[in-house]
């Protein structure tokens, strides 16, 4: 199976897709958070940084916190893109789209509503 994946997956597309998906996610959250929730749009980046730095960074406006949040966010985006690429290769596009949507919803819910409370 590994050799088949190595032959049929366009590896250059995975980091590009991860960067694009991560950027779209950030833009949507940064632009919509102030409109919908009347809070700072960069709170999402601080939530992501809190996954590795702890909940004390949620109140911080430090540039280092934002940099850590961006690094973690884009690393996770590329990792999850790799997972979806393997699913699409193994089971097809329809399963990949449905699985990707469910995985994205699960990841969003777990990361932003569960992990940030600890």
PDB file of N, CA and C in Angstrom:
ATOM      1  N   UNK A   1       0.818  -1.187   0.000  1.00  0.00           N
ATOM      2  CA  UNK A   1       0.000   0.000   0.000  1.00  0.00           C
ATOM      3  C   UNK A   1       0.871   1.263   0.000  1.00  0.00           C
ATOM      4  N   UNK A   2       1.950   1.274   0.762  1.00  0.00           N
ATOM      5  CA  UNK A   2       2.808   2.457   0.843  1.00  0.00           C
ATOM      6  C   UNK A   2       3.403   2.785  -0.519  1.00  0.00           C
ATOM      7  N   UNK A   3       3.857   1.757  -1.258  1.00  0.00           N
ATOM      8  CA  UNK A   3       4.432   2.014  -2.579  1.00  0.00           C
ATOM      9  C   UNK A   3       3.382   2.586  -3.526  1.00  0.00           C
ATOM     10  N   UNK A   4       2.164   2.104  -3.428  1.00  0.00           N
ATOM     11  CA  UNK A   4       1.087   2.606  -4.273  1.00  0.00           C
ATOM     12  C   UNK A   4       0.800   4.078  -3.972  1.00  0.00           C
ATOM     13  N   UNK A   5       0.799   4.434  -2.701  1.00  0.00           N
ATOM     14  CA  UNK A   5       0.566   5.828  -2.323  1.00  0.00           C
ATOM     15  C   UNK A   5       1.710   6.699  -2.812  1.00  0.00           C
ATOM     16  N   UNK A   6       2.939   6.214  -2.670  1.00  0.00           N
ATOM     17  CA  UNK A   6       4.094   6.995  -3.099  1.00  0.00           C
ATOM     18  C   UNK A   6       4.077   7.246  -4.599  1.00  0.00           C
ATOM     19  N   UNK A   7       3.569   6.289  -5.369  1.00  0.00           N
ATOM     20  CA  UNK A   7       3.526   6.454  -6.820  1.00  0.00           C
ATOM     21  C   UNK A   7       2.391   7.346  -7.279  1.00  0.00           C
ATOM     22  N   UNK A   8       1.267   7.334  -6.599  1.00  0.00           N
ATOM     23  CA  UNK A   8       0.060   7.977  -7.113  1.00  0.00           C
ATOM     24  C   UNK A   8      -0.317   9.299  -6.448  1.00  0.00           C
ATOM     25  N   UNK A   9       0.342   9.688  -5.399  1.00  0.00           N
ATOM     26  CA  UNK A   9       0.019  10.941  -4.727  1.00  0.00           C
ATOM     27  C   UNK A   9       0.996  12.010  -5.198  1.00  0.00           C
ATOM     28  N   UNK A  10       0.480  13.152  -5.587  1.00  0.00           N
ATOM     29  CA  UNK A  10       1.322  14.279  -5.962  1.00  0.00           C
ATOM     30  C   UNK A  10       1.736  14.982  -4.676  1.00  0.00           C
ATOM     31  N   UNK A  11       2.947  14.701  -4.228  1.00  0.00           N
ATOM     32  CA  UNK A  11       3.398  15.180  -2.924  1.00  0.00           C
ATOM     33  C   UNK A  11       3.524  16.693  -2.870  1.00  0.00           C
ATOM     34  N   UNK A  12       3.809  17.338  -3.985  1.00  0.00           N
ATOM     35  CA  UNK A  12       3.911  18.801  -3.980  1.00  0.00           C
ATOM     36  C   UNK A  12       2.564  19.461  -3.736  1.00  0.00           C
ATOM     37  N   UNK A  13       1.492  18.787  -4.083  1.00  0.00           N
ATOM     38  CA  UNK A  13       0.162  19.369  -3.904  1.00  0.00           C
ATOM     39  C   UNK A  13      -0.267  19.384  -2.439  1.00  0.00           C
ATOM     40  N   UNK A  14       0.273  18.492  -1.635  1.00  0.00           N
ATOM     41  CA  UNK A  14      -0.155  18.398  -0.238  1.00  0.00           C
ATOM     42  C   UNK A  14       0.208  19.649   0.559  1.00  0.00           C
ATOM     43  N   UNK A  15       1.471  20.104   0.562  1.00  0.00           N
ATOM     44  CA  UNK A  15       1.749  21.334   1.323  1.00  0.00           C
ATOM     45  C   UNK A  15       1.048  22.563   0.750  1.00  0.00           C
ATOM     46  N   UNK A  16       0.886  22.607  -0.562  1.00  0.00           N
ATOM     47  CA  UNK A  16       0.183  23.747  -1.169  1.00  0.00           C
ATOM     48  C   UNK A  16      -1.276  23.754  -0.722  1.00  0.00           C
ATOM     49  N   UNK A  17      -1.921  22.589  -0.768  1.00  0.00           N
ATOM     50  CA  UNK A  17      -3.312  22.493  -0.329  1.00  0.00           C
ATOM     51  C   UNK A  17      -3.436  22.801   1.160  1.00  0.00           C
ATOM     52  N   UNK A  18      -2.465  22.351   1.958  1.00  0.00           N
ATOM     53  CA  UNK A  18      -2.475  22.653   3.387  1.00  0.00           C
ATOM     54  C   UNK A  18      -2.352  24.138   3.657  1.00  0.00           C
ATOM     55  N   UNK A  19      -1.463  24.798   2.920  1.00  0.00           N
ATOM     56  CA  UNK A  19      -1.292  26.243   3.091  1.00  0.00           C
ATOM     57  C   UNK A  19      -2.535  27.013   2.646  1.00  0.00           C
ATOM     58  N   UNK A  20      -3.122  26.597   1.532  1.00  0.00           N
ATOM     59  CA  UNK A  20      -4.327  27.276   1.038  1.00  0.00           C
ATOM     60  C   UNK A  20      -5.487  27.079   2.017  1.00  0.00           C
ATOM     61  N   UNK A  21      -5.706  25.830   2.444  1.00  0.00           N
ATOM     62  CA  UNK A  21      -6.801  25.560   3.381  1.00  0.00           C
ATOM     63  C   UNK A  21      -6.587  26.280   4.707  1.00  0.00           C
ATOM     64  N   UNK A  22      -5.352  26.273   5.188  1.00  0.00           N
ATOM     65  CA  UNK A  22      -5.050  26.965   6.437  1.00  0.00           C
ATOM     66  C   UNK A  22      -5.260  28.462   6.330  1.00  0.00           C
ATOM     67  N   UNK A  23      -4.873  29.033   5.209  1.00  0.00           N
ATOM     68  CA  UNK A  23      -5.039  30.470   5.004  1.00  0.00           C
ATOM     69  C   UNK A  23      -6.514  30.844   4.889  1.00  0.00           C
ATOM     70  N   UNK A  24      -7.286  30.047   4.166  1.00  0.00           N
ATOM     71  CA  UNK A  24      -8.726  30.311   4.048  1.00  0.00           C
ATOM     72  C   UNK A  24      -9.381  30.238   5.426  1.00  0.00           C
ATOM     73  N   UNK A  25      -9.024  29.221   6.205  1.00  0.00           N
ATOM     74  CA  UNK A  25      -9.568  29.083   7.556  1.00  0.00           C
ATOM     75  C   UNK A  25      -9.252  30.316   8.401  1.00  0.00           C
ATOM     76  N   UNK A  26      -7.994  30.742   8.366  1.00  0.00           N
ATOM     77  CA  UNK A  26      -7.604  31.912   9.153  1.00  0.00           C
ATOM     78  C   UNK A  26      -8.321  33.177   8.690  1.00  0.00           C
ATOM     79  N   UNK A  27      -8.394  33.381   7.391  1.00  0.00           N
ATOM     80  CA  UNK A  27      -9.058  34.581   6.874  1.00  0.00           C
ATOM     81  C   UNK A  27     -10.533  34.621   7.258  1.00  0.00           C
ATOM     82  N   UNK A  28     -11.207  33.492   7.116  1.00  0.00           N
ATOM     83  CA  UNK A  28     -12.627  33.441   7.475  1.00  0.00           C
ATOM     84  C   UNK A  28     -12.804  33.760   8.956  1.00  0.00           C
ATOM     85  N   UNK A  29     -11.974  33.151   9.798  1.00  0.00           N
ATOM     86  CA  UNK A  29     -12.110  33.393  11.234  1.00  0.00           C
ATOM     87  C   UNK A  29     -11.708  34.804  11.635  1.00  0.00           C
ATOM     88  N   UNK A  30     -10.619  35.303  11.085  1.00  0.00           N
ATOM     89  CA  UNK A  30     -10.162  36.648  11.452  1.00  0.00           C
ATOM     90  C   UNK A  30     -11.151  37.711  10.978  1.00  0.00           C
ATOM     91  N   UNK A  31     -11.779  37.486   9.834  1.00  0.00           N
ATOM     92  CA  UNK A  31     -12.723  38.472   9.312  1.00  0.00           C
ATOM     93  C   UNK A  31     -14.123  38.340   9.914  1.00  0.00           C
ATOM     94  N   UNK A  32     -14.549  37.117  10.244  1.00  0.00           N
ATOM     95  CA  UNK A  32     -15.913  36.926  10.729  1.00  0.00           C
ATOM     96  C   UNK A  32     -16.060  36.995  12.245  1.00  0.00           C
ATOM     97  N   UNK A  33     -15.012  36.687  12.992  1.00  0.00           N
ATOM     98  CA  UNK A  33     -15.113  36.733  14.457  1.00  0.00           C
ATOM     99  C   UNK A  33     -15.547  38.108  14.967  1.00  0.00           C
ATOM    100  N   UNK A  34     -14.943  39.195  14.478  1.00  0.00           N
ATOM    101  CA  UNK A  34     -15.399  40.509  14.965  1.00  0.00           C
ATOM    102  C   UNK A  34     -16.847  40.818  14.574  1.00  0.00           C
ATOM    103  N   UNK A  35     -17.280  40.341  13.432  1.00  0.00           N
ATOM    104  CA  UNK A  35     -18.635  40.631  12.955  1.00  0.00           C
ATOM    105  C   UNK A  35     -19.668  39.802  13.712  1.00  0.00           C
ATOM    106  N   UNK A  36     -19.414  38.507  13.852  1.00  0.00           N
ATOM    107  CA  UNK A  36     -20.402  37.607  14.439  1.00  0.00           C
ATOM    108  C   UNK A  36     -20.378  37.646  15.967  1.00  0.00           C
ATOM    109  N   UNK A  37     -19.184  37.575  16.560  1.00  0.00           N
ATOM    110  CA  UNK A  37     -19.074  37.464  18.013  1.00  0.00           C
ATOM    111  C   UNK A  37     -18.611  38.744  18.704  1.00  0.00           C
ATOM    112  N   UNK A  38     -18.279  39.771  17.950  1.00  0.00           N
ATOM    113  CA  UNK A  38     -17.768  41.030  18.488  1.00  0.00           C
ATOM    114  C   UNK A  38     -16.539  40.815  19.383  1.00  0.00           C
ATOM    115  N   UNK A  39     -15.629  39.956  18.936  1.00  0.00           N
ATOM    116  CA  UNK A  39     -14.372  39.719  19.653  1.00  0.00           C
ATOM    117  C   UNK A  39     -13.215  39.884  18.677  1.00  0.00           C
ATOM    118  N   UNK A  40     -12.021  39.927  19.211  1.00  0.00           N
ATOM    119  CA  UNK A  40     -10.818  40.084  18.401  1.00  0.00           C
ATOM    120  C   UNK A  40     -10.674  38.902  17.443  1.00  0.00           C
ATOM    121  N   UNK A  41     -10.440  39.176  16.186  1.00  0.00           N
ATOM    122  CA  UNK A  41     -10.310  38.129  15.184  1.00  0.00           C
ATOM    123  C   UNK A  41      -9.098  37.241  15.375  1.00  0.00           C
ATOM    124  N   UNK A  42      -8.079  37.749  16.045  1.00  0.00           N
ATOM    125  CA  UNK A  42      -6.873  36.953  16.264  1.00  0.00           C
ATOM    126  C   UNK A  42      -6.997  35.999  17.446  1.00  0.00           C
ATOM    127  N   UNK A  43      -8.158  35.957  18.082  1.00  0.00           N
ATOM    128  CA  UNK A  43      -8.360  35.026  19.188  1.00  0.00           C
ATOM    129  C   UNK A  43      -8.197  33.581  18.730  1.00  0.00           C
ATOM    130  N   UNK A  44      -8.591  33.279  17.507  1.00  0.00           N
ATOM    131  CA  UNK A  44      -8.448  31.920  16.979  1.00  0.00           C
ATOM    132  C   UNK A  44      -6.980  31.518  16.937  1.00  0.00           C
ATOM    133  N   UNK A  45      -6.118  32.438  16.539  1.00  0.00           N
ATOM    134  CA  UNK A  45      -4.683  32.140  16.493  1.00  0.00           C
ATOM    135  C   UNK A  45      -4.162  31.907  17.907  1.00  0.00           C
ATOM    136  N   UNK A  46      -4.654  32.666  18.873  1.00  0.00           N
ATOM    137  CA  UNK A  46      -4.238  32.445  20.263  1.00  0.00           C
ATOM    138  C   UNK A  46      -4.786  31.128  20.799  1.00  0.00           C
ATOM    139  N   UNK A  47      -5.995  30.737  20.379  1.00  0.00           N
ATOM    140  CA  UNK A  47      -6.521  29.413  20.737  1.00  0.00           C
ATOM    141  C   UNK A  47      -5.576  28.320  20.243  1.00  0.00           C
ATOM    142  N   UNK A  48      -5.150  28.446  19.011  1.00  0.00           N
ATOM    143  CA  UNK A  48      -4.263  27.443  18.426  1.00  0.00           C
ATOM    144  C   UNK A  48      -2.920  27.442  19.149  1.00  0.00           C
ATOM    145  N   UNK A  49      -2.401  28.614  19.484  1.00  0.00           N
ATOM    146  CA  UNK A  49      -1.144  28.687  20.237  1.00  0.00           C
ATOM    147  C   UNK A  49      -1.301  28.063  21.617  1.00  0.00           C
ATOM    148  N   UNK A  50      -2.488  28.165  22.197  1.00  0.00           N
ATOM    149  CA  UNK A  50      -2.700  27.608  23.533  1.00  0.00           C
ATOM    150  C   UNK A  50      -2.637  26.084  23.544  1.00  0.00           C
ATOM    151  N   UNK A  51      -2.745  25.456  22.387  1.00  0.00           N
ATOM    152  CA  UNK A  51      -2.604  24.001  22.326  1.00  0.00           C
ATOM    153  C   UNK A  51      -1.219  23.563  22.782  1.00  0.00           C
ATOM    154  N   UNK A  52      -0.204  24.385  22.533  1.00  0.00           N
ATOM    155  CA  UNK A  52       1.156  24.033  22.947  1.00  0.00           C
ATOM    156  C   UNK A  52       1.678  24.917  24.077  1.00  0.00           C
ATOM    157  N   UNK A  53       1.130  26.116  24.241  1.00  0.00           N
ATOM    158  CA  UNK A  53       1.663  27.053  25.234  1.00  0.00           C
ATOM    159  C   UNK A  53       0.814  27.137  26.501  1.00  0.00           C
ATOM    160  N   UNK A  54      -0.358  26.531  26.501  1.00  0.00           N
ATOM    161  CA  UNK A  54      -1.223  26.586  27.667  1.00  0.00           C
ATOM    162  C   UNK A  54      -2.238  27.714  27.579  1.00  0.00           C
ATOM    163  N   UNK A  55      -3.219  27.660  28.458  1.00  0.00           N
ATOM    164  CA  UNK A  55      -4.326  28.616  28.389  1.00  0.00           C
ATOM    165  C   UNK A  55      -3.938  30.026  28.825  1.00  0.00           C
ATOM    166  N   UNK A  56      -2.768  30.194  29.400  1.00  0.00           N
ATOM    167  CA  UNK A  56      -2.361  31.531  29.844  1.00  0.00           C
ATOM    168  C   UNK A  56      -2.133  32.490  28.678  1.00  0.00           C
ATOM    169  N   UNK A  57      -1.946  31.977  27.475  1.00  0.00           N
ATOM    170  CA  UNK A  57      -1.689  32.852  26.324  1.00  0.00           C
ATOM    171  C   UNK A  57      -2.969  33.402  25.701  1.00  0.00           C
ATOM    172  N   UNK A  58      -4.120  32.972  26.180  1.00  0.00           N
ATOM    173  CA  UNK A  58      -5.370  33.451  25.594  1.00  0.00           C
ATOM    174  C   UNK A  58      -5.571  34.946  25.818  1.00  0.00           C
ATOM    175  N   UNK A  59      -5.033  35.468  26.894  1.00  0.00           N
ATOM    176  CA  UNK A  59      -5.148  36.904  27.175  1.00  0.00           C
ATOM    177  C   UNK A  59      -3.994  37.705  26.599  1.00  0.00           C
ATOM    178  N   UNK A  60      -2.993  37.030  26.078  1.00  0.00           N
ATOM    179  CA  UNK A  60      -1.781  37.692  25.594  1.00  0.00           C
ATOM    180  C   UNK A  60      -1.983  38.264  24.193  1.00  0.00           C
ATOM    181  N   UNK A  61      -1.374  39.407  23.959  1.00  0.00           N
ATOM    182  CA  UNK A  61      -1.345  39.973  22.605  1.00  0.00           C
ATOM    183  C   UNK A  61       0.083  39.993  22.081  1.00  0.00           C
ATOM    184  N   UNK A  62       0.936  39.185  22.691  1.00  0.00           N
ATOM    185  CA  UNK A  62       2.345  39.111  22.332  1.00  0.00           C
ATOM    186  C   UNK A  62       2.510  38.570  20.911  1.00  0.00           C
ATOM    187  N   UNK A  63       3.464  39.119  20.192  1.00  0.00           N
ATOM    188  CA  UNK A  63       3.743  38.675  18.827  1.00  0.00           C
ATOM    189  C   UNK A  63       4.229  37.232  18.805  1.00  0.00           C
ATOM    190  N   UNK A  64       4.993  36.831  19.817  1.00  0.00           N
ATOM    191  CA  UNK A  64       5.484  35.454  19.892  1.00  0.00           C
ATOM    192  C   UNK A  64       4.348  34.447  19.950  1.00  0.00           C
ATOM    193  N   UNK A  65       3.297  34.793  20.669  1.00  0.00           N
ATOM    194  CA  UNK A  65       2.123  33.922  20.745  1.00  0.00           C
ATOM    195  C   UNK A  65       1.485  33.761  19.371  1.00  0.00           C
ATOM    196  N   UNK A  66       1.380  34.848  18.638  1.00  0.00           N
ATOM    197  CA  UNK A  66       0.792  34.776  17.297  1.00  0.00           C
ATOM    198  C   UNK A  66       1.665  33.957  16.352  1.00  0.00           C
ATOM    199  N   UNK A  67       2.981  34.099  16.469  1.00  0.00           N
ATOM    200  CA  UNK A  67       3.892  33.326  15.616  1.00  0.00           C
ATOM    201  C   UNK A  67       3.768  31.838  15.923  1.00  0.00           C
ATOM    202  N   UNK A  68       3.746  31.479  17.212  1.00  0.00           N
ATOM    203  CA  UNK A  68       3.581  30.069  17.589  1.00  0.00           C
ATOM    204  C   UNK A  68       2.237  29.550  17.086  1.00  0.00           C
ATOM    205  N   UNK A  69       1.189  30.345  17.234  1.00  0.00           N
ATOM    206  CA  UNK A  69      -0.127  29.938  16.742  1.00  0.00           C
ATOM    207  C   UNK A  69      -0.137  29.688  15.248  1.00  0.00           C
ATOM    208  N   UNK A  70       0.522  30.554  14.489  1.00  0.00           N
ATOM    209  CA  UNK A  70       0.581  30.370  13.032  1.00  0.00           C
ATOM    210  C   UNK A  70       1.387  29.133  12.655  1.00  0.00           C
ATOM    211  N   UNK A  71       2.514  28.914  13.328  1.00  0.00           N
ATOM    212  CA  UNK A  71       3.337  27.733  13.031  1.00  0.00           C
ATOM    213  C   UNK A  71       2.561  26.455  13.324  1.00  0.00           C
ATOM    214  N   UNK A  72       1.927  26.393  14.493  1.00  0.00           N
ATOM    215  CA  UNK A  72       1.147  25.204  14.853  1.00  0.00           C
ATOM    216  C   UNK A  72      -0.016  25.030  13.886  1.00  0.00           C
ATOM    217  N   UNK A  73      -0.687  26.117  13.562  1.00  0.00           N
ATOM    218  CA  UNK A  73      -1.838  26.047  12.662  1.00  0.00           C
ATOM    219  C   UNK A  73      -1.454  25.488  11.294  1.00  0.00           C
ATOM    220  N   UNK A  74      -0.395  26.024  10.703  1.00  0.00           N
ATOM    221  CA  UNK A  74       0.000  25.561   9.372  1.00  0.00           C
ATOM    222  C   UNK A  74       0.580  24.150   9.408  1.00  0.00           C
ATOM    223  N   UNK A  75       1.260  23.778  10.477  1.00  0.00           N
ATOM    224  CA  UNK A  75       1.757  22.399  10.598  1.00  0.00           C
ATOM    225  C   UNK A  75       0.590  21.417  10.669  1.00  0.00           C
ATOM    226  N   UNK A  76      -0.414  21.748  11.476  1.00  0.00           N
ATOM    227  CA  UNK A  76      -1.591  20.883  11.561  1.00  0.00           C
ATOM    228  C   UNK A  76      -2.368  20.866  10.247  1.00  0.00           C
ATOM    229  N   UNK A  77      -2.446  21.989   9.568  1.00  0.00           N
ATOM    230  CA  UNK A  77      -3.135  22.037   8.270  1.00  0.00           C
ATOM    231  C   UNK A  77      -2.487  21.085   7.272  1.00  0.00           C
ATOM    232  N   UNK A  78      -1.160  21.096   7.237  1.00  0.00           N
ATOM    233  CA  UNK A  78      -0.467  20.206   6.300  1.00  0.00           C
ATOM    234  C   UNK A  78      -0.598  18.743   6.712  1.00  0.00           C
ATOM    235  N   UNK A  79      -0.572  18.463   8.014  1.00  0.00           N
ATOM    236  CA  UNK A  79      -0.746  17.090   8.488  1.00  0.00           C
ATOM    237  C   UNK A  79      -2.132  16.563   8.122  1.00  0.00           C
ATOM    238  N   UNK A  80      -3.162  17.357   8.366  1.00  0.00           N
ATOM    239  CA  UNK A  80      -4.518  16.918   8.053  1.00  0.00           C
ATOM    240  C   UNK A  80      -4.739  16.821   6.544  1.00  0.00           C
ATOM    241  N   UNK A  81      -4.071  17.647   5.775  1.00  0.00           N
ATOM    242  CA  UNK A  81      -4.139  17.541   4.317  1.00  0.00           C
ATOM    243  C   UNK A  81      -3.520  16.235   3.850  1.00  0.00           C
ATOM    244  N   UNK A  82      -2.425  15.827   4.470  1.00  0.00           N
ATOM    245  CA  UNK A  82      -1.806  14.541   4.147  1.00  0.00           C
ATOM    246  C   UNK A  82      -2.762  13.393   4.439  1.00  0.00           C
ATOM    247  N   UNK A  83      -3.442  13.456   5.575  1.00  0.00           N
ATOM    248  CA  UNK A  83      -4.405  12.407   5.927  1.00  0.00           C
ATOM    249  C   UNK A  83      -5.518  12.334   4.886  1.00  0.00           C
ATOM    250  N   UNK A  84      -6.057  13.483   4.496  1.00  0.00           N
ATOM    251  CA  UNK A  84      -7.132  13.498   3.501  1.00  0.00           C
ATOM    252  C   UNK A  84      -6.629  13.013   2.145  1.00  0.00           C
ATOM    253  N   UNK A  85      -5.395  13.349   1.776  1.00  0.00           N
ATOM    254  CA  UNK A  85      -4.833  12.869   0.505  1.00  0.00           C
ATOM    255  C   UNK A  85      -4.739  11.352   0.498  1.00  0.00           C
ATOM    256  N   UNK A  86      -4.350  10.771   1.609  1.00  0.00           N
ATOM    257  CA  UNK A  86      -4.273   9.307   1.691  1.00  0.00           C
ATOM    258  C   UNK A  86      -5.665   8.696   1.624  1.00  0.00           C
ATOM    259  N   UNK A  87      -6.645   9.308   2.291  1.00  0.00           N
ATOM    260  CA  UNK A  87      -8.023   8.805   2.243  1.00  0.00           C
ATOM    261  C   UNK A  87      -8.567   8.878   0.820  1.00  0.00           C
ATOM    262  N   UNK A  88      -8.342   9.996   0.137  1.00  0.00           N
ATOM    263  CA  UNK A  88      -8.818  10.135  -1.244  1.00  0.00           C
ATOM    264  C   UNK A  88      -8.150   9.106  -2.141  1.00  0.00           C
ATOM    265  N   UNK A  89      -6.858   8.897  -1.953  1.00  0.00           N
ATOM    266  CA  UNK A  89      -6.154   7.911  -2.776  1.00  0.00           C
ATOM    267  C   UNK A  89      -6.694   6.507  -2.522  1.00  0.00           C
ATOM    268  N   UNK A  90      -6.948   6.196  -1.271  1.00  0.00           N
ATOM    269  CA  UNK A  90      -7.344   4.833  -0.903  1.00  0.00           C
ATOM    270  C   UNK A  90      -8.805   4.537  -1.244  1.00  0.00           C
ATOM    271  N   UNK A  91      -9.717   5.479  -0.937  1.00  0.00           N
ATOM    272  CA  UNK A  91     -11.141   5.183  -1.065  1.00  0.00           C
ATOM    273  C   UNK A  91     -11.884   6.044  -2.070  1.00  0.00           C
ATOM    274  N   UNK A  92     -11.258   6.993  -2.691  1.00  0.00           N
ATOM    275  CA  UNK A  92     -11.907   7.776  -3.729  1.00  0.00           C
ATOM    276  C   UNK A  92     -12.289   9.180  -3.292  1.00  0.00           C
ATOM    277  N   UNK A  93     -12.683   9.962  -4.276  1.00  0.00           N
ATOM    278  CA  UNK A  93     -12.946  11.383  -4.071  1.00  0.00           C
ATOM    279  C   UNK A  93     -14.176  11.639  -3.203  1.00  0.00           C
ATOM    280  N   UNK A  94     -15.259  10.904  -3.430  1.00  0.00           N
ATOM    281  CA  UNK A  94     -16.489  11.142  -2.668  1.00  0.00           C
ATOM    282  C   UNK A  94     -16.263  10.852  -1.188  1.00  0.00           C
ATOM    283  N   UNK A  95     -15.638   9.727  -0.894  1.00  0.00           N
ATOM    284  CA  UNK A  95     -15.329   9.390   0.499  1.00  0.00           C
ATOM    285  C   UNK A  95     -14.362  10.416   1.082  1.00  0.00           C
ATOM    286  N   UNK A  96     -13.414  10.876   0.268  1.00  0.00           N
ATOM    287  CA  UNK A  96     -12.470  11.890   0.726  1.00  0.00           C
ATOM    288  C   UNK A  96     -13.147  13.205   1.065  1.00  0.00           C
ATOM    289  N   UNK A  97     -14.114  13.609   0.254  1.00  0.00           N
ATOM    290  CA  UNK A  97     -14.832  14.861   0.516  1.00  0.00           C
ATOM    291  C   UNK A  97     -15.684  14.738   1.774  1.00  0.00           C
ATOM    292  N   UNK A  98     -16.433  13.654   1.881  1.00  0.00           N
ATOM    293  CA  UNK A  98     -17.266  13.451   3.072  1.00  0.00           C
ATOM    294  C   UNK A  98     -16.391  13.271   4.305  1.00  0.00           C
ATOM    295  N   UNK A  99     -15.363  12.437   4.178  1.00  0.00           N
ATOM    296  CA  UNK A  99     -14.443  12.227   5.301  1.00  0.00           C
ATOM    297  C   UNK A  99     -13.708  13.496   5.681  1.00  0.00           C
ATOM    298  N   UNK A 100     -13.312  14.276   4.682  1.00  0.00           N
ATOM    299  CA  UNK A 100     -12.629  15.539   4.954  1.00  0.00           C
ATOM    300  C   UNK A 100     -13.521  16.525   5.677  1.00  0.00           C
ATOM    301  N   UNK A 101     -14.780  16.586   5.278  1.00  0.00           N
ATOM    302  CA  UNK A 101     -15.721  17.486   5.952  1.00  0.00           C
ATOM    303  C   UNK A 101     -15.942  17.051   7.400  1.00  0.00           C
ATOM    304  N   UNK A 102     -16.121  15.755   7.610  1.00  0.00           N
ATOM    305  CA  UNK A 102     -16.310  15.255   8.974  1.00  0.00           C
ATOM    306  C   UNK A 102     -15.051  15.430   9.817  1.00  0.00           C
ATOM    307  N   UNK A 103     -13.886  15.152   9.218  1.00  0.00           N
ATOM    308  CA  UNK A 103     -12.626  15.340   9.932  1.00  0.00           C
ATOM    309  C   UNK A 103     -12.422  16.812  10.277  1.00  0.00           C
ATOM    310  N   UNK A 104     -12.703  17.695   9.339  1.00  0.00           N
ATOM    311  CA  UNK A 104     -12.559  19.125   9.598  1.00  0.00           C
ATOM    312  C   UNK A 104     -13.476  19.600  10.714  1.00  0.00           C
ATOM    313  N   UNK A 105     -14.720  19.146  10.703  1.00  0.00           N
ATOM    314  CA  UNK A 105     -15.659  19.516  11.761  1.00  0.00           C
ATOM    315  C   UNK A 105     -15.204  18.975  13.111  1.00  0.00           C
ATOM    316  N   UNK A 106     -14.743  17.733  13.123  1.00  0.00           N
ATOM    317  CA  UNK A 106     -14.260  17.136  14.373  1.00  0.00           C
ATOM    318  C   UNK A 106     -13.027  17.861  14.892  1.00  0.00           C
ATOM    319  N   UNK A 107     -12.088  18.149  14.012  1.00  0.00           N
ATOM    320  CA  UNK A 107     -10.861  18.842  14.421  1.00  0.00           C
ATOM    321  C   UNK A 107     -11.194  20.235  14.948  1.00  0.00           C
ATOM    322  N   UNK A 108     -12.048  20.952  14.249  1.00  0.00           N
ATOM    323  CA  UNK A 108     -12.440  22.293  14.681  1.00  0.00           C
ATOM    324  C   UNK A 108     -13.087  22.234  16.064  1.00  0.00           C
ATOM    325  N   UNK A 109     -14.013  21.306  16.237  1.00  0.00           N
ATOM    326  CA  UNK A 109     -14.714  21.192  17.517  1.00  0.00           C
ATOM    327  C   UNK A 109     -13.772  20.802  18.644  1.00  0.00           C
ATOM    328  N   UNK A 110     -12.942  19.810  18.402  1.00  0.00           N
ATOM    329  CA  UNK A 110     -12.025  19.344  19.445  1.00  0.00           C
ATOM    330  C   UNK A 110     -11.016  20.423  19.800  1.00  0.00           C
ATOM    331  N   UNK A 111     -10.389  21.016  18.799  1.00  0.00           N
ATOM    332  CA  UNK A 111      -9.336  22.000  19.073  1.00  0.00           C
ATOM    333  C   UNK A 111      -9.864  23.267  19.715  1.00  0.00           C
ATOM    334  N   UNK A 112     -10.946  23.807  19.212  1.00  0.00           N
ATOM    335  CA  UNK A 112     -11.385  25.115  19.683  1.00  0.00           C
ATOM    336  C   UNK A 112     -12.349  25.069  20.858  1.00  0.00           C
ATOM    337  N   UNK A 113     -13.013  23.950  21.072  1.00  0.00           N
ATOM    338  CA  UNK A 113     -13.978  23.915  22.156  1.00  0.00           C
ATOM    339  C   UNK A 113     -13.592  22.981  23.291  1.00  0.00           C
ATOM    340  N   UNK A 114     -12.638  22.098  23.077  1.00  0.00           N
ATOM    341  CA  UNK A 114     -12.241  21.168  24.123  1.00  0.00           C
ATOM    342  C   UNK A 114     -10.829  21.434  24.609  1.00  0.00           C
ATOM    343  N   UNK A 115      -9.859  21.410  23.700  1.00  0.00           N
ATOM    344  CA  UNK A 115      -8.457  21.526  24.090  1.00  0.00           C
ATOM    345  C   UNK A 115      -8.130  22.886  24.705  1.00  0.00           C
ATOM    346  N   UNK A 116      -8.815  23.923  24.304  1.00  0.00           N
ATOM    347  CA  UNK A 116      -8.486  25.259  24.812  1.00  0.00           C
ATOM    348  C   UNK A 116      -9.056  25.511  26.200  1.00  0.00           C
ATOM    349  N   UNK A 117      -9.907  24.628  26.708  1.00  0.00           N
ATOM    350  CA  UNK A 117     -10.450  24.828  28.049  1.00  0.00           C
ATOM    351  C   UNK A 117      -9.519  24.309  29.127  1.00  0.00           C
ATOM    352  N   UNK A 118      -8.513  23.534  28.772  1.00  0.00           N
ATOM    353  CA  UNK A 118      -7.594  22.967  29.771  1.00  0.00           C
ATOM    354  C   UNK A 118      -6.448  23.889  30.040  1.00  0.00           C
TER     355      UNK A 118
END
